């Protein structure tokens, strides 16, 4: 497998004055979630654009010596979530 097959995007560092997202504990709304896109596994904070039941959300996993901590955004219409994902990758929200 080539490197580009498993590497995800590296988000741009957050801009000054970036908009903070409202992160909350995962709600477990469904058993099946499809990851549509993700950031690179080499980072200590990983983001995933997820889809389930016709809606999308972003999941954030923070890795530390103490383990992993996960949070997610509100579940949104696909167009809204894709726009938010683009802003996250561009360092404008986080």
PDB file of N, CA and C in Angstrom:
ATOM      1  N   UNK A   1       0.850  -1.178   0.000  1.00  0.00           N
ATOM      2  CA  UNK A   1       0.000   0.000   0.000  1.00  0.00           C
ATOM      3  C   UNK A   1       0.895   1.239   0.000  1.00  0.00           C
ATOM      4  N   UNK A   2       0.604   2.177  -0.849  1.00  0.00           N
ATOM      5  CA  UNK A   2       1.369   3.423  -0.924  1.00  0.00           C
ATOM      6  C   UNK A   2       0.995   4.343   0.235  1.00  0.00           C
ATOM      7  N   UNK A   3       1.958   5.190   0.619  1.00  0.00           N
ATOM      8  CA  UNK A   3       1.718   6.107   1.744  1.00  0.00           C
ATOM      9  C   UNK A   3       0.442   6.907   1.585  1.00  0.00           C
ATOM     10  N   UNK A   4       0.165   7.410   0.398  1.00  0.00           N
ATOM     11  CA  UNK A   4      -0.997   8.271   0.205  1.00  0.00           C
ATOM     12  C   UNK A   4      -2.316   7.518   0.383  1.00  0.00           C
ATOM     13  N   UNK A   5      -2.286   6.175   0.404  1.00  0.00           N
ATOM     14  CA  UNK A   5      -3.506   5.409   0.588  1.00  0.00           C
ATOM     15  C   UNK A   5      -4.027   5.478   2.019  1.00  0.00           C
ATOM     16  N   UNK A   6      -3.144   5.726   2.993  1.00  0.00           N
ATOM     17  CA  UNK A   6      -3.613   5.739   4.378  1.00  0.00           C
ATOM     18  C   UNK A   6      -3.414   7.076   5.071  1.00  0.00           C
ATOM     19  N   UNK A   7      -2.647   7.959   4.472  1.00  0.00           N
ATOM     20  CA  UNK A   7      -2.465   9.282   5.069  1.00  0.00           C
ATOM     21  C   UNK A   7      -3.682  10.149   4.788  1.00  0.00           C
ATOM     22  N   UNK A   8      -4.095  10.868   5.811  1.00  0.00           N
ATOM     23  CA  UNK A   8      -5.174  11.825   5.637  1.00  0.00           C
ATOM     24  C   UNK A   8      -4.601  13.221   5.506  1.00  0.00           C
ATOM     25  N   UNK A   9      -5.465  14.176   5.436  1.00  0.00           N
ATOM     26  CA  UNK A   9      -5.068  15.584   5.329  1.00  0.00           C
ATOM     27  C   UNK A   9      -4.421  16.061   6.618  1.00  0.00           C
ATOM     28  N   UNK A  10      -3.576  17.050   6.494  1.00  0.00           N
ATOM     29  CA  UNK A  10      -3.040  17.763   7.652  1.00  0.00           C
ATOM     30  C   UNK A  10      -3.733  19.120   7.672  1.00  0.00           C
ATOM     31  N   UNK A  11      -4.582  19.370   8.670  1.00  0.00           N
ATOM     32  CA  UNK A  11      -5.274  20.664   8.713  1.00  0.00           C
ATOM     33  C   UNK A  11      -4.279  21.813   8.859  1.00  0.00           C
ATOM     34  N   UNK A  12      -4.643  22.948   8.321  1.00  0.00           N
ATOM     35  CA  UNK A  12      -3.866  24.165   8.487  1.00  0.00           C
ATOM     36  C   UNK A  12      -3.951  24.572   9.964  1.00  0.00           C
ATOM     37  N   UNK A  13      -2.859  25.046  10.569  1.00  0.00           N
ATOM     38  CA  UNK A  13      -2.952  25.515  11.965  1.00  0.00           C
ATOM     39  C   UNK A  13      -4.052  26.574  12.115  1.00  0.00           C
ATOM     40  N   UNK A  14      -4.683  26.589  13.267  1.00  0.00           N
ATOM     41  CA  UNK A  14      -5.790  27.519  13.493  1.00  0.00           C
ATOM     42  C   UNK A  14      -5.328  28.961  13.315  1.00  0.00           C
ATOM     43  N   UNK A  15      -6.160  29.749  12.646  1.00  0.00           N
ATOM     44  CA  UNK A  15      -5.907  31.178  12.458  1.00  0.00           C
ATOM     45  C   UNK A  15      -6.181  31.924  13.758  1.00  0.00           C
ATOM     46  N   UNK A  16      -5.580  33.103  13.910  1.00  0.00           N
ATOM     47  CA  UNK A  16      -5.930  33.969  15.035  1.00  0.00           C
ATOM     48  C   UNK A  16      -7.419  34.270  14.947  1.00  0.00           C
ATOM     49  N   UNK A  17      -8.095  34.176  16.068  1.00  0.00           N
ATOM     50  CA  UNK A  17      -9.518  34.483  16.103  1.00  0.00           C
ATOM     51  C   UNK A  17     -10.398  33.413  15.482  1.00  0.00           C
ATOM     52  N   UNK A  18      -9.891  32.180  15.347  1.00  0.00           N
ATOM     53  CA  UNK A  18     -10.709  31.120  14.753  1.00  0.00           C
ATOM     54  C   UNK A  18     -11.954  30.877  15.605  1.00  0.00           C
ATOM     55  N   UNK A  19     -12.989  30.376  14.965  1.00  0.00           N
ATOM     56  CA  UNK A  19     -14.255  30.109  15.658  1.00  0.00           C
ATOM     57  C   UNK A  19     -14.167  28.749  16.350  1.00  0.00           C
ATOM     58  N   UNK A  20     -14.451  28.730  17.633  1.00  0.00           N
ATOM     59  CA  UNK A  20     -14.428  27.474  18.387  1.00  0.00           C
ATOM     60  C   UNK A  20     -15.745  26.729  18.181  1.00  0.00           C
ATOM     61  N   UNK A  21     -15.614  25.449  17.904  1.00  0.00           N
ATOM     62  CA  UNK A  21     -16.800  24.611  17.749  1.00  0.00           C
ATOM     63  C   UNK A  21     -17.289  24.140  19.114  1.00  0.00           C
ATOM     64  N   UNK A  22     -18.558  23.835  19.194  1.00  0.00           N
ATOM     65  CA  UNK A  22     -19.146  23.286  20.418  1.00  0.00           C
ATOM     66  C   UNK A  22     -18.965  21.769  20.370  1.00  0.00           C
ATOM     67  N   UNK A  23     -17.941  21.273  21.051  1.00  0.00           N
ATOM     68  CA  UNK A  23     -17.673  19.834  21.104  1.00  0.00           C
ATOM     69  C   UNK A  23     -18.419  19.236  22.286  1.00  0.00           C
ATOM     70  N   UNK A  24     -19.003  18.058  22.073  1.00  0.00           N
ATOM     71  CA  UNK A  24     -19.727  17.392  23.152  1.00  0.00           C
ATOM     72  C   UNK A  24     -19.417  15.899  23.140  1.00  0.00           C
ATOM     73  N   UNK A  25     -19.738  15.239  24.214  1.00  0.00           N
ATOM     74  CA  UNK A  25     -19.502  13.797  24.311  1.00  0.00           C
ATOM     75  C   UNK A  25     -20.332  13.081  23.249  1.00  0.00           C
ATOM     76  N   UNK A  26     -19.796  12.010  22.670  1.00  0.00           N
ATOM     77  CA  UNK A  26     -20.571  11.238  21.688  1.00  0.00           C
ATOM     78  C   UNK A  26     -21.876  10.737  22.295  1.00  0.00           C
ATOM     79  N   UNK A  27     -22.916  10.777  21.489  1.00  0.00           N
ATOM     80  CA  UNK A  27     -24.248  10.396  21.977  1.00  0.00           C
ATOM     81  C   UNK A  27     -24.631   8.961  21.653  1.00  0.00           C
ATOM     82  N   UNK A  28     -23.897   8.308  20.766  1.00  0.00           N
ATOM     83  CA  UNK A  28     -24.236   6.932  20.402  1.00  0.00           C
ATOM     84  C   UNK A  28     -25.599   6.812  19.764  1.00  0.00           C
ATOM     85  N   UNK A  29     -25.909   7.729  18.859  1.00  0.00           N
ATOM     86  CA  UNK A  29     -27.231   7.771  18.235  1.00  0.00           C
ATOM     87  C   UNK A  29     -27.499   6.593  17.312  1.00  0.00           C
ATOM     88  N   UNK A  30     -26.447   5.958  16.820  1.00  0.00           N
ATOM     89  CA  UNK A  30     -26.609   4.839  15.905  1.00  0.00           C
ATOM     90  C   UNK A  30     -25.439   3.872  16.053  1.00  0.00           C
ATOM     91  N   UNK A  31     -25.642   2.647  15.637  1.00  0.00           N
ATOM     92  CA  UNK A  31     -24.568   1.662  15.727  1.00  0.00           C
ATOM     93  C   UNK A  31     -23.624   1.733  14.534  1.00  0.00           C
ATOM     94  N   UNK A  32     -24.091   2.245  13.411  1.00  0.00           N
ATOM     95  CA  UNK A  32     -23.282   2.272  12.199  1.00  0.00           C
ATOM     96  C   UNK A  32     -23.001   3.707  11.775  1.00  0.00           C
ATOM     97  N   UNK A  33     -21.733   4.028  11.678  1.00  0.00           N
ATOM     98  CA  UNK A  33     -21.294   5.351  11.244  1.00  0.00           C
ATOM     99  C   UNK A  33     -20.254   5.151  10.152  1.00  0.00           C
ATOM    100  N   UNK A  34     -20.386   5.875   9.077  1.00  0.00           N
ATOM    101  CA  UNK A  34     -19.420   5.804   7.982  1.00  0.00           C
ATOM    102  C   UNK A  34     -18.495   7.014   8.057  1.00  0.00           C
ATOM    103  N   UNK A  35     -17.195   6.764   8.047  1.00  0.00           N
ATOM    104  CA  UNK A  35     -16.210   7.845   8.017  1.00  0.00           C
ATOM    105  C   UNK A  35     -15.995   8.217   6.555  1.00  0.00           C
ATOM    106  N   UNK A  36     -16.362   9.451   6.202  1.00  0.00           N
ATOM    107  CA  UNK A  36     -16.271   9.917   4.814  1.00  0.00           C
ATOM    108  C   UNK A  36     -14.916  10.539   4.496  1.00  0.00           C
ATOM    109  N   UNK A  37     -14.261  11.117   5.495  1.00  0.00           N
ATOM    110  CA  UNK A  37     -12.941  11.718   5.327  1.00  0.00           C
ATOM    111  C   UNK A  37     -12.301  11.792   6.707  1.00  0.00           C
ATOM    112  N   UNK A  38     -10.988  11.953   6.741  1.00  0.00           N
ATOM    113  CA  UNK A  38     -10.298  12.012   8.025  1.00  0.00           C
ATOM    114  C   UNK A  38      -8.976  12.741   7.865  1.00  0.00           C
ATOM    115  N   UNK A  39      -8.469  13.233   8.990  1.00  0.00           N
ATOM    116  CA  UNK A  39      -7.149  13.838   8.987  1.00  0.00           C
ATOM    117  C   UNK A  39      -6.125  12.742   9.290  1.00  0.00           C
ATOM    118  N   UNK A  40      -4.869  13.094   9.201  1.00  0.00           N
ATOM    119  CA  UNK A  40      -3.783  12.122   9.266  1.00  0.00           C
ATOM    120  C   UNK A  40      -3.642  11.487  10.647  1.00  0.00           C
ATOM    121  N   UNK A  41      -3.407  10.197  10.661  1.00  0.00           N
ATOM    122  CA  UNK A  41      -3.206   9.423  11.889  1.00  0.00           C
ATOM    123  C   UNK A  41      -1.915   9.793  12.613  1.00  0.00           C
ATOM    124  N   UNK A  42      -1.012  10.508  11.970  1.00  0.00           N
ATOM    125  CA  UNK A  42       0.261  10.860  12.615  1.00  0.00           C
ATOM    126  C   UNK A  42       0.098  12.006  13.616  1.00  0.00           C
ATOM    127  N   UNK A  43      -1.042  12.643  13.640  1.00  0.00           N
ATOM    128  CA  UNK A  43      -1.295  13.785  14.512  1.00  0.00           C
ATOM    129  C   UNK A  43      -1.834  13.308  15.874  1.00  0.00           C
ATOM    130  N   UNK A  44      -1.653  14.125  16.905  1.00  0.00           N
ATOM    131  CA  UNK A  44      -2.192  13.767  18.223  1.00  0.00           C
ATOM    132  C   UNK A  44      -3.690  14.069  18.319  1.00  0.00           C
ATOM    133  N   UNK A  45      -4.179  14.945  17.448  1.00  0.00           N
ATOM    134  CA  UNK A  45      -5.618  15.223  17.356  1.00  0.00           C
ATOM    135  C   UNK A  45      -6.067  14.825  15.953  1.00  0.00           C
ATOM    136  N   UNK A  46      -7.029  13.934  15.904  1.00  0.00           N
ATOM    137  CA  UNK A  46      -7.532  13.415  14.630  1.00  0.00           C
ATOM    138  C   UNK A  46      -8.984  13.842  14.487  1.00  0.00           C
ATOM    139  N   UNK A  47      -9.341  14.277  13.299  1.00  0.00           N
ATOM    140  CA  UNK A  47     -10.721  14.652  12.999  1.00  0.00           C
ATOM    141  C   UNK A  47     -11.262  13.697  11.940  1.00  0.00           C
ATOM    142  N   UNK A  48     -12.544  13.347  12.077  1.00  0.00           N
ATOM    143  CA  UNK A  48     -13.209  12.492  11.098  1.00  0.00           C
ATOM    144  C   UNK A  48     -14.539  13.116  10.714  1.00  0.00           C
ATOM    145  N   UNK A  49     -14.795  13.160   9.419  1.00  0.00           N
ATOM    146  CA  UNK A  49     -16.100  13.586   8.917  1.00  0.00           C
ATOM    147  C   UNK A  49     -16.935  12.320   8.808  1.00  0.00           C
ATOM    148  N   UNK A  50     -17.985  12.237   9.616  1.00  0.00           N
ATOM    149  CA  UNK A  50     -18.777  11.017   9.734  1.00  0.00           C
ATOM    150  C   UNK A  50     -20.189  11.220   9.202  1.00  0.00           C
ATOM    151  N   UNK A  51     -20.785  10.125   8.747  1.00  0.00           N
ATOM    152  CA  UNK A  51     -22.143  10.176   8.217  1.00  0.00           C
ATOM    153  C   UNK A  51     -22.940   8.996   8.741  1.00  0.00           C
ATOM    154  N   UNK A  52     -24.188   9.262   9.109  1.00  0.00           N
ATOM    155  CA  UNK A  52     -25.110   8.217   9.559  1.00  0.00           C
ATOM    156  C   UNK A  52     -26.530   8.747   9.469  1.00  0.00           C
ATOM    157  N   UNK A  53     -27.430   7.921   9.024  1.00  0.00           N
ATOM    158  CA  UNK A  53     -28.845   8.282   9.012  1.00  0.00           C
ATOM    159  C   UNK A  53     -29.157   9.549   8.244  1.00  0.00           C
ATOM    160  N   UNK A  54     -28.420   9.832   7.171  1.00  0.00           N
ATOM    161  CA  UNK A  54     -28.693  11.007   6.351  1.00  0.00           C
ATOM    162  C   UNK A  54     -28.131  12.302   6.913  1.00  0.00           C
ATOM    163  N   UNK A  55     -27.409  12.240   8.017  1.00  0.00           N
ATOM    164  CA  UNK A  55     -26.799  13.421   8.617  1.00  0.00           C
ATOM    165  C   UNK A  55     -25.290  13.214   8.714  1.00  0.00           C
ATOM    166  N   UNK A  56     -24.569  14.307   8.971  1.00  0.00           N
ATOM    167  CA  UNK A  56     -23.124  14.228   9.130  1.00  0.00           C
ATOM    168  C   UNK A  56     -22.704  14.994  10.378  1.00  0.00           C
ATOM    169  N   UNK A  57     -21.525  14.638  10.892  1.00  0.00           N
ATOM    170  CA  UNK A  57     -20.944  15.335  12.032  1.00  0.00           C
ATOM    171  C   UNK A  57     -19.437  15.147  11.965  1.00  0.00           C
ATOM    172  N   UNK A  58     -18.721  15.938  12.740  1.00  0.00           N
ATOM    173  CA  UNK A  58     -17.270  15.794  12.830  1.00  0.00           C
ATOM    174  C   UNK A  58     -16.940  15.224  14.198  1.00  0.00           C
ATOM    175  N   UNK A  59     -16.111  14.201  14.190  1.00  0.00           N
ATOM    176  CA  UNK A  59     -15.636  13.606  15.440  1.00  0.00           C
ATOM    177  C   UNK A  59     -14.178  14.000  15.645  1.00  0.00           C
ATOM    178  N   UNK A  60     -13.841  14.357  16.872  1.00  0.00           N
ATOM    179  CA  UNK A  60     -12.470  14.728  17.229  1.00  0.00           C
ATOM    180  C   UNK A  60     -11.955  13.723  18.254  1.00  0.00           C
ATOM    181  N   UNK A  61     -10.785  13.157  17.980  1.00  0.00           N
ATOM    182  CA  UNK A  61     -10.138  12.248  18.911  1.00  0.00           C
ATOM    183  C   UNK A  61      -8.823  12.877  19.344  1.00  0.00           C
ATOM    184  N   UNK A  62      -8.665  13.085  20.645  1.00  0.00           N
ATOM    185  CA  UNK A  62      -7.441  13.653  21.206  1.00  0.00           C
ATOM    186  C   UNK A  62      -6.690  12.518  21.876  1.00  0.00           C
ATOM    187  N   UNK A  63      -5.470  12.279  21.388  1.00  0.00           N
ATOM    188  CA  UNK A  63      -4.621  11.223  21.958  1.00  0.00           C
ATOM    189  C   UNK A  63      -3.631  11.832  22.939  1.00  0.00           C
ATOM    190  N   UNK A  64      -3.477  11.164  24.076  1.00  0.00           N
ATOM    191  CA  UNK A  64      -2.486  11.591  25.074  1.00  0.00           C
ATOM    192  C   UNK A  64      -1.960  10.354  25.783  1.00  0.00           C
ATOM    193  N   UNK A  65      -1.026  10.568  26.685  1.00  0.00           N
ATOM    194  CA  UNK A  65      -0.495   9.444  27.459  1.00  0.00           C
ATOM    195  C   UNK A  65      -1.582   8.761  28.276  1.00  0.00           C
ATOM    196  N   UNK A  66      -2.625   9.501  28.613  1.00  0.00           N
ATOM    197  CA  UNK A  66      -3.727   8.955  29.397  1.00  0.00           C
ATOM    198  C   UNK A  66      -4.761   8.205  28.580  1.00  0.00           C
ATOM    199  N   UNK A  67      -4.576   8.119  27.272  1.00  0.00           N
ATOM    200  CA  UNK A  67      -5.539   7.427  26.409  1.00  0.00           C
ATOM    201  C   UNK A  67      -6.107   8.350  25.358  1.00  0.00           C
ATOM    202  N   UNK A  68      -7.316   8.047  24.946  1.00  0.00           N
ATOM    203  CA  UNK A  68      -8.003   8.837  23.926  1.00  0.00           C
ATOM    204  C   UNK A  68      -9.279   9.439  24.494  1.00  0.00           C
ATOM    205  N   UNK A  69      -9.584  10.637  24.027  1.00  0.00           N
ATOM    206  CA  UNK A  69     -10.824  11.299  24.410  1.00  0.00           C
ATOM    207  C   UNK A  69     -11.522  11.725  23.126  1.00  0.00           C
ATOM    208  N   UNK A  70     -12.807  11.377  23.003  1.00  0.00           N
ATOM    209  CA  UNK A  70     -13.557  11.684  21.784  1.00  0.00           C
ATOM    210  C   UNK A  70     -14.687  12.659  22.073  1.00  0.00           C
ATOM    211  N   UNK A  71     -14.894  13.519  21.090  1.00  0.00           N
ATOM    212  CA  UNK A  71     -16.008  14.467  21.117  1.00  0.00           C
ATOM    213  C   UNK A  71     -16.570  14.571  19.715  1.00  0.00           C
ATOM    214  N   UNK A  72     -17.756  15.111  19.598  1.00  0.00           N
ATOM    215  CA  UNK A  72     -18.357  15.305  18.284  1.00  0.00           C
ATOM    216  C   UNK A  72     -19.114  16.619  18.240  1.00  0.00           C
ATOM    217  N   UNK A  73     -19.311  17.093  17.014  1.00  0.00           N
ATOM    218  CA  UNK A  73     -20.126  18.285  16.803  1.00  0.00           C
ATOM    219  C   UNK A  73     -21.596  17.872  16.779  1.00  0.00           C
ATOM    220  N   UNK A  74     -22.439  18.847  16.644  1.00  0.00           N
ATOM    221  CA  UNK A  74     -23.855  18.561  16.402  1.00  0.00           C
ATOM    222  C   UNK A  74     -23.982  17.829  15.068  1.00  0.00           C
ATOM    223  N   UNK A  75     -25.021  17.045  14.924  1.00  0.00           N
ATOM    224  CA  UNK A  75     -25.291  16.366  13.661  1.00  0.00           C
ATOM    225  C   UNK A  75     -25.989  17.369  12.743  1.00  0.00           C
ATOM    226  N   UNK A  76     -25.511  17.453  11.521  1.00  0.00           N
ATOM    227  CA  UNK A  76     -25.955  18.496  10.588  1.00  0.00           C
ATOM    228  C   UNK A  76     -26.383  17.911   9.249  1.00  0.00           C
ATOM    229  N   UNK A  77     -27.102  18.713   8.482  1.00  0.00           N
ATOM    230  CA  UNK A  77     -27.368  18.350   7.092  1.00  0.00           C
ATOM    231  C   UNK A  77     -26.020  18.221   6.377  1.00  0.00           C
ATOM    232  N   UNK A  78     -25.946  17.350   5.391  1.00  0.00           N
ATOM    233  CA  UNK A  78     -24.673  17.046   4.728  1.00  0.00           C
ATOM    234  C   UNK A  78     -23.975  18.290   4.182  1.00  0.00           C
ATOM    235  N   UNK A  79     -24.694  19.175   3.541  1.00  0.00           N
ATOM    236  CA  UNK A  79     -24.072  20.381   2.966  1.00  0.00           C
ATOM    237  C   UNK A  79     -23.441  21.243   4.063  1.00  0.00           C
ATOM    238  N   UNK A  80     -24.129  21.388   5.185  1.00  0.00           N
ATOM    239  CA  UNK A  80     -23.594  22.177   6.299  1.00  0.00           C
ATOM    240  C   UNK A  80     -22.341  21.531   6.884  1.00  0.00           C
ATOM    241  N   UNK A  81     -22.377  20.221   7.069  1.00  0.00           N
ATOM    242  CA  UNK A  81     -21.235  19.513   7.652  1.00  0.00           C
ATOM    243  C   UNK A  81     -20.025  19.560   6.719  1.00  0.00           C
ATOM    244  N   UNK A  82     -20.246  19.430   5.428  1.00  0.00           N
ATOM    245  CA  UNK A  82     -19.134  19.494   4.469  1.00  0.00           C
ATOM    246  C   UNK A  82     -18.503  20.879   4.467  1.00  0.00           C
ATOM    247  N   UNK A  83     -19.329  21.916   4.580  1.00  0.00           N
ATOM    248  CA  UNK A  83     -18.803  23.279   4.662  1.00  0.00           C
ATOM    249  C   UNK A  83     -17.973  23.445   5.936  1.00  0.00           C
ATOM    250  N   UNK A  84     -18.481  22.952   7.052  1.00  0.00           N
ATOM    251  CA  UNK A  84     -17.776  23.022   8.328  1.00  0.00           C
ATOM    252  C   UNK A  84     -16.449  22.252   8.250  1.00  0.00           C
ATOM    253  N   UNK A  85     -16.445  21.105   7.601  1.00  0.00           N
ATOM    254  CA  UNK A  85     -15.241  20.301   7.420  1.00  0.00           C
ATOM    255  C   UNK A  85     -14.182  21.100   6.659  1.00  0.00           C
ATOM    256  N   UNK A  86     -14.606  21.779   5.605  1.00  0.00           N
ATOM    257  CA  UNK A  86     -13.674  22.611   4.844  1.00  0.00           C
ATOM    258  C   UNK A  86     -13.084  23.732   5.688  1.00  0.00           C
ATOM    259  N   UNK A  87     -13.904  24.354   6.510  1.00  0.00           N
ATOM    260  CA  UNK A  87     -13.425  25.417   7.402  1.00  0.00           C
ATOM    261  C   UNK A  87     -12.443  24.872   8.435  1.00  0.00           C
ATOM    262  N   UNK A  88     -12.702  23.668   8.922  1.00  0.00           N
ATOM    263  CA  UNK A  88     -11.800  23.030   9.879  1.00  0.00           C
ATOM    264  C   UNK A  88     -10.436  22.759   9.228  1.00  0.00           C
ATOM    265  N   UNK A  89     -10.452  22.204   8.030  1.00  0.00           N
ATOM    266  CA  UNK A  89      -9.194  21.915   7.329  1.00  0.00           C
ATOM    267  C   UNK A  89      -8.416  23.180   6.998  1.00  0.00           C
ATOM    268  N   UNK A  90      -9.143  24.292   6.803  1.00  0.00           N
ATOM    269  CA  UNK A  90      -8.506  25.583   6.494  1.00  0.00           C
ATOM    270  C   UNK A  90      -8.075  26.345   7.733  1.00  0.00           C
ATOM    271  N   UNK A  91      -8.310  25.795   8.930  1.00  0.00           N
ATOM    272  CA  UNK A  91      -7.875  26.442  10.173  1.00  0.00           C
ATOM    273  C   UNK A  91      -8.770  27.574  10.645  1.00  0.00           C
ATOM    274  N   UNK A  92     -10.004  27.634  10.120  1.00  0.00           N
ATOM    275  CA  UNK A  92     -10.894  28.726  10.496  1.00  0.00           C
ATOM    276  C   UNK A  92     -11.853  28.373  11.630  1.00  0.00           C
ATOM    277  N   UNK A  93     -12.056  27.072  11.861  1.00  0.00           N
ATOM    278  CA  UNK A  93     -12.869  26.619  13.011  1.00  0.00           C
ATOM    279  C   UNK A  93     -12.136  25.456  13.665  1.00  0.00           C
ATOM    280  N   UNK A  94     -12.435  25.215  14.927  1.00  0.00           N
ATOM    281  CA  UNK A  94     -11.803  24.088  15.595  1.00  0.00           C
ATOM    282  C   UNK A  94     -12.305  23.829  16.977  1.00  0.00           C
TER     283      UNK A  94
END
